[in-house]
Amino acid sequence: MRILIYSYNYYPEPIGIAPLMTELAEGLVARGHAVRVVTGMPNYPQRRIYDAYQGKLYCTEERNGVLIQRSCVWIRPQPGLLTRMLLDGSFVLSSLVQSLRGWRPDVILLTVPPLPVSVPAALLGWFYSCPVVLNLQDILPEAAVHVGLITNPHAIRVFEALERFAYRSASVISVITDGFTENLVGKGVSKAKIRCIPNWVDVKFIRPLPKEGAFRRAYGLENKFVVMYSGNIALTQGLRTVIRAAAQLRSMPDIAFVIVGEKQALELLRQECLDCQADNVLLLPFQPREQLPDMLAAADVGLVVQKRHVVSFNMPSKIQVLLASGRPIIASVPVNGTAARAIQQSGGGIVVEPEQPEQLAAAVLDLYHNPAKANTLAQQGRSYAIQNYSFEQALTRYEQLFYDITTSSGSTADLLPGLQVEQPIADAMSIDLK
């Protein structure tokens, strides 16, 4: 089968959607499929085009059997709404050129965000007369509105129209959690059109390893009880809660907090550490991906952190990774949300109220004083990850989905001619942004 993956994020970006789409593409190639990926010039999480790709409009590469077609994007380090729209618009236009340079696919897999790429994907589905699978990694614009990223009512109307267009033009919508399914069904999307395939983790790569490895030695963490957060530092995370919890435990010399993230974002946290006198917090830049298993193994506890206003359906992909690493999780997340539900179902962690440093500090002390409890959580989490989040299971489900959709009668080509482009989309260029 010939599969076109349309994804803004891809290798060598180290976190988020990029590693997932890279593993999926290479896994499909290993099973005998032809895969080409239309993507942007790598820029995440620094929000700066990587040095090796500076000044290029287009480039084509091959890695592990995958044909990678990159196009230029307009990027700025501090994206607001307007700059984000310009970024998305630049990728929509430039990527469409690349998507037409290559063989005709049997099926297109489109990842969202960004939401506007649903328009060229629908056009490609019509042009190539093939189905489009919309892979939802987040529900936009709802998530962005919830955290205050989009406040202009005209902009919200445009993105809501894009959202409806994306759902109607897709042949199938794949979602990463049942919470997404509930949200879409509530918006009138047929449940028969939705397929739930959770994000995965390579349980052979991310696995329990000895704690006292190279990472601990490199950063002077030998014989410490290490509480670690690793990942994106953005609007939805509440890393100040972690720092304030650490400050409450600074009298415990055996407990060390480690926050791993993008350098620029870490600088914003450094002043918070000084203000709170949290000298037991170590701020470190992202590590090379090949060192990720050893880094995760260095932790006694892995953290998942969200702010209280995060939408209930948000599902951080780091949950699967932490469960697979064989370390207990403490999740400071909305207790009625998808993330809390996933951790509770796994039996691999503890959930506390978000933005409550006292509760987070108490949970850390609980596991510090009860190593048997921590070990039980770790083992349950690892077992759950193997049973529910293994890469091979997810790969088989995507492969079966592609077979099902290409052998059925319906396709994007059938759906597109009947779509009415709603007026807010047509008016998108005339929005008066705040």
Protein backbone atom coordinates (compact mmCIF):
# COMPACT_ATOMS: atom_id res chain seq x y z
CA MET A 1 0.00 0.00 0.00
CA ARG A 2 1.12 3.57 -0.69
CA ILE A 3 0.56 5.80 2.34
CA LEU A 4 0.99 9.58 2.46
CA ILE A 5 1.46 10.97 5.98
CA TYR A 6 0.72 14.69 6.14
CA SER A 7 2.26 15.87 9.40
CA TYR A 8 3.67 19.27 10.32
CA ASN A 9 5.97 17.61 12.89
CA TYR A 10 8.46 14.84 12.08
CA TYR A 11 12.03 13.71 12.75
CA PRO A 12 14.42 15.16 13.97
CA GLU A 13 12.09 17.01 16.33
CA PRO A 14 12.46 15.22 19.68
CA ILE A 15 9.08 15.52 21.42
CA GLY A 16 5.37 15.68 20.77
CA ILE A 17 3.84 14.38 17.55
CA ALA A 18 7.15 14.10 15.69
CA PRO A 19 8.50 10.89 17.32
CA LEU A 20 5.08 9.25 17.02
CA MET A 21 4.72 9.96 13.31
CA THR A 22 8.33 8.97 12.70
CA GLU A 23 7.83 5.61 14.40
CA LEU A 24 4.55 5.05 12.58
CA ALA A 25 6.03 5.84 9.16
CA GLU A 26 9.08 3.65 9.69
CA GLY A 27 6.96 0.85 11.16
CA LEU A 28 4.72 0.84 8.09
CA VAL A 29 7.78 0.68 5.83
CA ALA A 30 9.08 -2.28 7.83
CA ARG A 31 5.80 -4.05 7.08
CA GLY A 32 6.27 -3.58 3.36
CA HIS A 33 4.32 -0.40 2.65
CA ALA A 34 5.56 2.60 0.67
CA VAL A 35 5.44 5.75 2.81
CA ARG A 36 6.11 9.36 2.02
CA VAL A 37 5.81 12.14 4.56
CA VAL A 38 4.92 15.75 3.78
CA THR A 39 6.19 17.90 6.63
CA GLY A 40 7.69 21.26 7.52
CA MET A 41 11.27 22.26 8.12
CA PRO A 42 12.06 21.08 11.67
CA ASN A 43 11.71 23.87 14.24
CA TYR A 44 10.10 22.47 17.40
CA PRO A 45 10.36 23.03 20.34
CA GLN A 46 12.81 25.91 19.82
CA ARG A 47 10.44 27.49 17.26
CA ARG A 48 13.45 28.16 15.09
CA ILE A 49 14.37 26.37 11.88
CA TYR A 50 17.17 23.90 12.65
CA ASP A 51 20.56 25.01 11.33
CA ALA A 52 20.85 22.24 8.73
CA TYR A 53 17.59 23.40 7.13
CA GLN A 54 18.08 27.17 7.23
CA GLY A 55 17.44 29.00 3.96
CA LYS A 56 15.75 26.10 2.18
CA LEU A 57 12.38 26.39 0.47
CA TYR A 58 12.05 22.67 -0.16
CA CYS A 59 14.12 19.58 0.41
CA THR A 60 13.59 15.84 0.01
CA GLU A 61 15.29 13.17 2.10
CA GLU A 62 15.07 9.46 2.70
CA ARG A 63 15.45 7.96 6.16
CA ASN A 64 14.89 4.32 7.08
CA GLY A 65 12.96 3.78 3.88
CA VAL A 66 10.62 6.77 4.33
CA LEU A 67 10.56 9.51 1.68
CA ILE A 68 10.47 12.83 3.58
CA GLN A 69 9.34 15.93 1.64
CA ARG A 70 9.92 19.13 3.60
CA SER A 71 8.69 22.64 2.88
CA CYS A 72 9.45 26.05 4.31
CA VAL A 73 7.39 27.61 7.10
CA TRP A 74 7.14 31.11 8.52
CA ILE A 75 8.17 30.79 12.15
CA ARG A 76 8.77 33.14 15.09
CA PRO A 77 10.14 32.26 18.57
CA GLN A 78 7.17 33.71 20.49
CA PRO A 79 3.98 32.75 18.63
CA GLY A 80 0.82 34.71 19.28
CA LEU A 81 -2.46 34.15 17.48
CA LEU A 82 -1.50 36.16 14.39
CA THR A 83 1.96 34.60 14.07
CA ARG A 84 0.45 31.16 14.61
CA MET A 85 -2.02 31.77 11.80
CA LEU A 86 0.79 32.93 9.52
CA LEU A 87 2.79 29.81 10.41
CA ASP A 88 -0.16 27.53 9.66
CA GLY A 89 -0.94 29.40 6.47
CA SER A 90 2.63 29.18 5.23
CA PHE A 91 2.68 25.42 5.80
CA VAL A 92 -0.68 24.96 4.08
CA LEU A 93 0.56 26.70 0.93
CA SER A 94 4.12 25.38 0.78
CA SER A 95 3.24 21.79 1.73
CA LEU A 96 0.60 21.53 -0.97
CA VAL A 97 3.37 21.92 -3.56
CA GLN A 98 5.37 19.08 -2.00
CA SER A 99 2.35 16.82 -1.67
CA LEU A 100 1.86 16.93 -5.44
CA ARG A 101 5.49 15.93 -6.09
CA GLY A 102 5.41 12.17 -5.82
CA TRP A 103 3.44 9.02 -6.35
CA ARG A 104 -0.32 8.80 -5.96
CA PRO A 105 -1.21 7.48 -2.47
CA ASP A 106 -3.84 4.88 -1.67
CA VAL A 107 -4.63 6.66 1.59
CA ILE A 108 -3.68 9.92 3.32
CA LEU A 109 -3.11 10.18 7.08
CA LEU A 110 -3.40 13.78 8.26
CA THR A 111 -2.34 14.84 11.78
CA VAL A 112 -4.00 17.74 13.57
CA PRO A 113 -2.86 20.17 14.87
CA PRO A 114 -2.47 22.32 12.90
CA LEU A 115 -6.13 22.52 11.94
CA PRO A 116 -5.90 24.48 8.62
CA VAL A 117 -4.06 21.61 6.90
CA SER A 118 -7.41 19.84 6.69
CA VAL A 119 -8.14 22.03 3.65
CA PRO A 120 -5.21 20.91 1.43
CA ALA A 121 -5.66 17.33 2.71
CA ALA A 122 -9.28 17.35 1.53
CA LEU A 123 -8.18 18.74 -1.84
CA LEU A 124 -5.54 16.02 -2.12
CA GLY A 125 -8.10 13.36 -1.28
CA TRP A 126 -10.24 14.66 -4.12
CA PHE A 127 -7.31 15.06 -6.53
CA TYR A 128 -5.89 11.60 -5.85
CA SER A 129 -9.35 10.02 -5.40
CA CYS A 130 -8.29 8.41 -2.13
CA PRO A 131 -9.60 8.42 1.46
CA VAL A 132 -8.27 10.75 4.15
CA VAL A 133 -7.82 9.63 7.76
CA LEU A 134 -7.86 12.60 10.14
CA ASN A 135 -5.66 11.81 13.14
CA LEU A 136 -6.65 14.07 16.05
CA GLN A 137 -3.88 14.69 18.55
CA ASP A 138 -5.77 17.62 20.04
CA ILE A 139 -9.23 19.10 19.56
CA LEU A 140 -8.99 22.59 18.14
CA PRO A 141 -10.00 25.33 18.58
CA GLU A 142 -11.64 24.19 21.82
CA ALA A 143 -8.37 23.46 23.60
CA ALA A 144 -6.83 26.78 22.51
CA VAL A 145 -9.90 28.75 23.59
CA HIS A 146 -9.91 26.98 26.96
CA VAL A 147 -6.37 28.14 27.81
CA GLY A 148 -6.92 31.65 26.47
CA LEU A 149 -4.76 31.32 23.37
CA ILE A 150 -7.67 32.36 21.14
CA THR A 151 -10.03 35.02 22.48
CA ASN A 152 -11.18 36.96 19.42
CA PRO A 153 -14.76 35.85 18.62
CA HIS A 154 -14.25 36.22 14.86
CA ALA A 155 -11.14 34.04 14.98
CA ILE A 156 -13.01 31.46 17.06
CA ARG A 157 -15.79 31.33 14.44
CA VAL A 158 -13.27 30.76 11.67
CA PHE A 159 -11.54 27.93 13.51
CA GLU A 160 -14.83 26.33 14.49
CA ALA A 161 -15.80 26.37 10.80
CA LEU A 162 -12.46 24.77 9.95
CA GLU A 163 -13.08 22.15 12.60
CA ARG A 164 -16.47 21.25 11.11
CA PHE A 165 -14.93 21.15 7.63
CA ALA A 166 -12.16 18.82 8.85
CA TYR A 167 -14.63 16.37 10.40
CA ARG A 168 -16.97 16.37 7.40
CA SER A 169 -14.27 16.03 4.74
CA ALA A 170 -12.40 13.18 6.44
CA SER A 171 -13.33 9.63 5.55
CA VAL A 172 -12.43 8.42 9.05
CA ILE A 173 -11.34 10.24 12.20
CA SER A 174 -8.81 8.49 14.41
CA VAL A 175 -8.68 9.74 18.00
CA ILE A 176 -6.22 8.98 20.80
CA THR A 177 -8.67 8.61 23.68
CA ASP A 178 -12.34 7.90 24.35
CA GLY A 179 -12.64 11.44 25.70
CA PHE A 180 -12.12 12.71 22.15
CA THR A 181 -14.85 10.36 20.90
CA GLU A 182 -17.31 11.73 23.45
CA ASN A 183 -16.44 15.30 22.45
CA LEU A 184 -16.90 14.68 18.73
CA VAL A 185 -20.14 12.75 19.12
CA GLY A 186 -21.43 15.68 21.17
CA LYS A 187 -20.70 17.89 18.17
CA GLY A 188 -22.74 15.73 15.85
CA VAL A 189 -20.00 13.52 14.37
CA SER A 190 -21.21 9.98 13.75
CA LYS A 191 -19.60 7.49 16.12
CA ALA A 192 -19.30 5.10 13.17
CA LYS A 193 -16.85 7.55 11.59
CA ILE A 194 -14.51 7.52 14.61
CA ARG A 195 -11.80 4.99 15.39
CA CYS A 196 -9.98 5.18 18.75
CA ILE A 197 -6.29 4.25 18.50
CA PRO A 198 -4.32 5.43 21.55
CA ASN A 199 -0.87 6.86 21.12
CA TRP A 200 1.82 4.33 21.77
CA VAL A 201 5.25 3.80 23.20
CA ASP A 202 8.02 1.52 22.05
CA VAL A 203 8.14 -0.71 25.13
CA LYS A 204 11.35 -2.32 23.91
CA PHE A 205 13.11 1.06 23.73
CA ILE A 206 11.50 2.67 26.80
CA ARG A 207 11.94 0.07 29.52
CA PRO A 208 12.92 -0.25 33.19
CA LEU A 209 16.68 0.19 33.64
CA PRO A 210 18.89 0.52 36.74
CA LYS A 211 18.55 3.92 38.43
CA GLU A 212 22.22 4.55 39.07
CA GLY A 213 23.24 4.98 35.45
CA ALA A 214 25.12 7.54 33.37
CA PHE A 215 22.47 10.25 33.75
CA ARG A 216 22.63 10.28 37.53
CA ARG A 217 26.42 10.28 37.50
CA ALA A 218 26.55 13.13 34.99
CA TYR A 219 24.41 15.43 37.14
CA GLY A 220 25.41 14.45 40.65
CA LEU A 221 22.17 12.66 41.49
CA GLU A 222 23.67 9.52 42.98
CA ASN A 223 21.69 8.21 45.95
CA LYS A 224 18.99 10.87 45.55
CA PHE A 225 15.23 10.38 45.42
CA VAL A 226 14.68 11.95 41.99
CA VAL A 227 11.35 13.49 41.00
CA MET A 228 11.42 14.25 37.27
CA TYR A 229 9.38 16.23 34.77
CA SER A 230 10.45 15.98 31.14
CA GLY A 231 8.62 17.53 28.22
CA ASN A 232 6.98 20.62 26.86
CA ILE A 233 6.78 23.73 29.02
CA ALA A 234 3.81 25.73 27.73
CA LEU A 235 0.41 27.18 28.57
CA THR A 236 -1.15 23.87 29.58
CA GLN A 237 1.59 22.83 32.00
CA GLY A 238 1.85 24.09 35.58
CA LEU A 239 5.58 23.86 36.23
CA ARG A 240 5.45 26.60 38.86
CA THR A 241 3.46 24.15 40.95
CA VAL A 242 6.40 21.72 40.76
CA ILE A 243 8.87 24.40 41.82
CA ARG A 244 6.72 25.47 44.75
CA ALA A 245 6.29 21.87 45.83
CA ALA A 246 10.06 21.43 45.65
CA ALA A 247 10.53 24.52 47.81
CA GLN A 248 8.39 22.93 50.51
CA LEU A 249 10.71 19.90 50.51
CA ARG A 250 14.05 21.70 50.38
CA SER A 251 14.74 20.61 53.98
CA MET A 252 14.87 17.02 52.66
CA PRO A 253 18.41 16.76 51.19
CA ASP A 254 17.76 13.30 49.75
CA ILE A 255 14.96 14.58 47.46
CA ALA A 256 15.88 16.27 44.18
CA PHE A 257 13.56 17.66 41.51
CA VAL A 258 14.64 17.61 37.86
CA ILE A 259 12.89 19.54 35.08
CA VAL A 260 13.97 18.74 31.53
CA GLY A 261 12.79 20.99 28.71
CA GLU A 262 13.63 23.49 26.02
CA LYS A 263 16.40 25.91 27.06
CA GLN A 264 14.48 29.13 26.51
CA ALA A 265 11.49 27.89 28.49
CA LEU A 266 13.78 26.76 31.33
CA GLU A 267 15.11 30.29 31.68
CA LEU A 268 11.61 31.46 32.53
CA LEU A 269 11.54 28.92 35.37
CA ARG A 270 14.96 29.83 36.71
CA GLN A 271 13.71 33.05 38.29
CA GLU A 272 10.82 31.16 39.88
CA CYS A 273 13.34 28.82 41.51
CA LEU A 274 15.25 31.80 42.88
CA ASP A 275 12.10 33.49 44.15
CA CYS A 276 10.97 30.30 45.92
CA GLN A 277 14.49 29.44 47.12
CA ALA A 278 14.03 26.06 45.47
CA ASP A 279 17.70 25.15 45.30
CA ASN A 280 16.74 21.46 45.06
CA VAL A 281 15.48 21.90 41.48
CA LEU A 282 17.81 21.00 38.61
CA LEU A 283 16.89 22.53 35.22
CA LEU A 284 18.27 20.60 32.25
CA PRO A 285 17.91 20.90 28.46
CA PHE A 286 16.39 18.12 26.37
CA GLN A 287 18.64 15.09 26.10
CA PRO A 288 19.40 13.24 22.83
CA ARG A 289 16.66 10.72 22.10
CA GLU A 290 19.01 7.75 22.35
CA GLN A 291 19.66 8.76 25.99
CA LEU A 292 15.95 8.97 26.87
CA PRO A 293 15.65 5.48 28.45
CA ASP A 294 18.58 6.12 30.80
CA MET A 295 17.24 9.56 31.71
CA LEU A 296 13.78 8.21 32.55
CA ALA A 297 15.34 5.35 34.52
CA ALA A 298 17.17 7.90 36.67
CA ALA A 299 13.85 9.02 38.16
CA ASP A 300 12.21 7.53 41.23
CA VAL A 301 9.00 9.33 40.25
CA GLY A 302 7.80 10.75 36.94
CA LEU A 303 5.55 13.82 36.88
CA VAL A 304 2.57 14.72 34.71
CA VAL A 305 1.48 18.30 35.32
CA GLN A 306 -1.43 20.35 33.98
CA LYS A 307 -3.17 23.54 34.97
CA ARG A 308 -6.67 23.37 36.38
CA HIS A 309 -8.29 25.00 33.34
CA VAL A 310 -6.97 22.45 30.82
CA VAL A 311 -9.81 20.85 28.87
CA SER A 312 -10.92 17.53 30.28
CA PHE A 313 -10.10 15.54 27.14
CA ASN A 314 -6.41 16.53 27.03
CA MET A 315 -4.19 13.40 27.03
CA PRO A 316 -0.42 14.00 27.34
CA SER A 317 1.58 11.43 25.38
CA LYS A 318 4.17 11.37 28.16
CA ILE A 319 1.81 9.19 30.22
CA GLN A 320 2.47 6.16 28.02
CA VAL A 321 6.21 6.82 28.12
CA LEU A 322 6.36 7.12 31.91
CA LEU A 323 4.31 3.96 32.39
CA ALA A 324 6.62 2.05 30.06
CA SER A 325 9.71 3.30 31.91
CA GLY A 326 8.69 1.34 35.00
CA ARG A 327 8.49 4.31 37.32
CA PRO A 328 5.48 5.46 39.38
CA ILE A 329 3.65 8.59 38.26
CA ILE A 330 2.41 11.51 40.28
CA ALA A 331 -0.11 13.44 38.18
CA SER A 332 -1.10 16.96 39.17
CA VAL A 333 -4.02 17.14 36.74
CA PRO A 334 -7.78 17.84 36.69
CA VAL A 335 -9.22 14.88 38.58
CA ASN A 336 -12.16 14.41 36.20
CA GLY A 337 -10.05 14.65 33.05
CA THR A 338 -8.83 12.08 30.56
CA ALA A 339 -5.27 12.14 31.90
CA ALA A 340 -6.40 11.35 35.44
CA ARG A 341 -8.65 8.57 34.19
CA ALA A 342 -5.84 6.97 32.15
CA ILE A 343 -3.44 6.97 35.10
CA GLN A 344 -6.03 5.58 37.49
CA GLN A 345 -6.98 2.83 35.03
CA SER A 346 -3.34 1.87 34.61
CA GLY A 347 -2.77 1.49 38.34
CA GLY A 348 0.58 3.15 37.74
CA GLY A 349 0.30 6.39 39.64
CA ILE A 350 -1.27 8.87 42.04
CA VAL A 351 -3.54 11.76 41.01
CA VAL A 352 -3.65 15.02 42.98
CA GLU A 353 -5.47 18.29 42.38
CA PRO A 354 -3.74 20.59 39.85
CA GLU A 355 -1.95 23.77 40.95
CA GLN A 356 -1.81 22.57 44.58
CA PRO A 357 1.88 22.48 45.62
CA GLU A 358 1.01 21.15 49.07
CA GLN A 359 -0.75 18.11 47.62
CA LEU A 360 2.06 17.45 45.16
CA ALA A 361 4.69 17.69 47.91
CA ALA A 362 2.65 15.33 50.12
CA ALA A 363 2.39 12.78 47.30
CA VAL A 364 6.17 12.91 46.78
CA LEU A 365 6.76 12.33 50.49
CA ASP A 366 4.29 9.44 50.45
CA LEU A 367 6.27 7.57 47.79
CA TYR A 368 9.59 8.58 49.36
CA HIS A 369 8.57 6.97 52.65
CA ASN A 370 6.83 3.97 51.04
CA PRO A 371 9.18 2.37 48.50
CA ALA A 372 7.04 -0.80 48.38
CA LYS A 373 4.04 1.26 47.27
CA ALA A 374 6.16 3.03 44.67
CA ASN A 375 7.42 -0.30 43.36
CA THR A 376 3.88 -1.71 43.09
CA LEU A 377 2.72 1.33 41.11
CA ALA A 378 5.75 1.05 38.83
CA GLN A 379 5.15 -2.62 38.07
CA GLN A 380 1.43 -2.10 37.45
CA GLY A 381 2.15 0.80 35.13
CA ARG A 382 4.73 -1.11 33.11
CA SER A 383 2.40 -4.08 32.73
CA TYR A 384 -0.45 -1.82 31.62
CA ALA A 385 1.75 -0.09 29.03
CA ILE A 386 2.75 -3.45 27.52
CA GLN A 387 -0.86 -4.60 27.36
CA ASN A 388 -2.44 -1.37 26.09
CA TYR A 389 0.13 1.00 24.59
CA SER A 390 2.67 -1.13 22.72
CA PHE A 391 3.77 0.19 19.34
CA GLU A 392 3.14 -3.09 17.54
CA GLN A 393 -0.50 -3.06 18.64
CA ALA A 394 -1.02 0.51 17.44
CA LEU A 395 0.79 -0.20 14.16
CA THR A 396 -1.45 -3.19 13.48
CA ARG A 397 -4.56 -1.13 14.21
CA TYR A 398 -3.49 1.66 11.84
CA GLU A 399 -2.59 -0.88 9.17
CA GLN A 400 -5.99 -2.55 9.53
CA LEU A 401 -7.71 0.84 9.39
CA PHE A 402 -5.95 1.66 6.11
CA TYR A 403 -6.94 -1.71 4.64
CA ASP A 404 -10.54 -1.25 5.77
CA ILE A 405 -10.90 2.24 4.37
CA THR A 406 -9.24 1.54 1.02
CA THR A 407 -11.44 -1.49 0.38
CA SER A 408 -14.69 0.24 1.36
CA SER A 409 -16.77 2.26 -1.05
CA GLY A 410 -16.59 5.60 0.73
CA SER A 411 -13.70 8.02 0.29
CA THR A 412 -12.85 11.69 0.55
CA ALA A 413 -13.34 11.93 -3.18
CA ASP A 414 -16.99 10.96 -2.66
CA LEU A 415 -17.47 13.42 0.19
CA LEU A 416 -15.72 16.55 -1.06
CA PRO A 417 -18.01 17.66 -3.91
CA GLY A 418 -21.00 17.84 -1.58
CA LEU A 419 -19.30 20.02 1.02
CA GLN A 420 -20.31 23.63 1.40
CA VAL A 421 -17.38 25.85 2.43
CA GLU A 422 -18.82 27.87 5.26
CA GLN A 423 -18.68 31.65 5.13
CA PRO A 424 -16.30 32.06 8.13
CA ILE A 425 -13.62 30.16 6.20
CA ALA A 426 -14.13 32.37 3.17
CA ASP A 427 -13.84 35.43 5.40
CA ALA A 428 -10.67 34.21 7.16
CA MET A 429 -8.38 36.73 5.52
CA SER A 430 -10.48 39.68 6.75
CA ILE A 431 -10.48 38.89 10.47
CA ASP A 432 -9.93 41.86 12.76
CA LEU A 433 -7.60 40.29 15.30
CA LYS A 434 -7.13 41.70 18.77
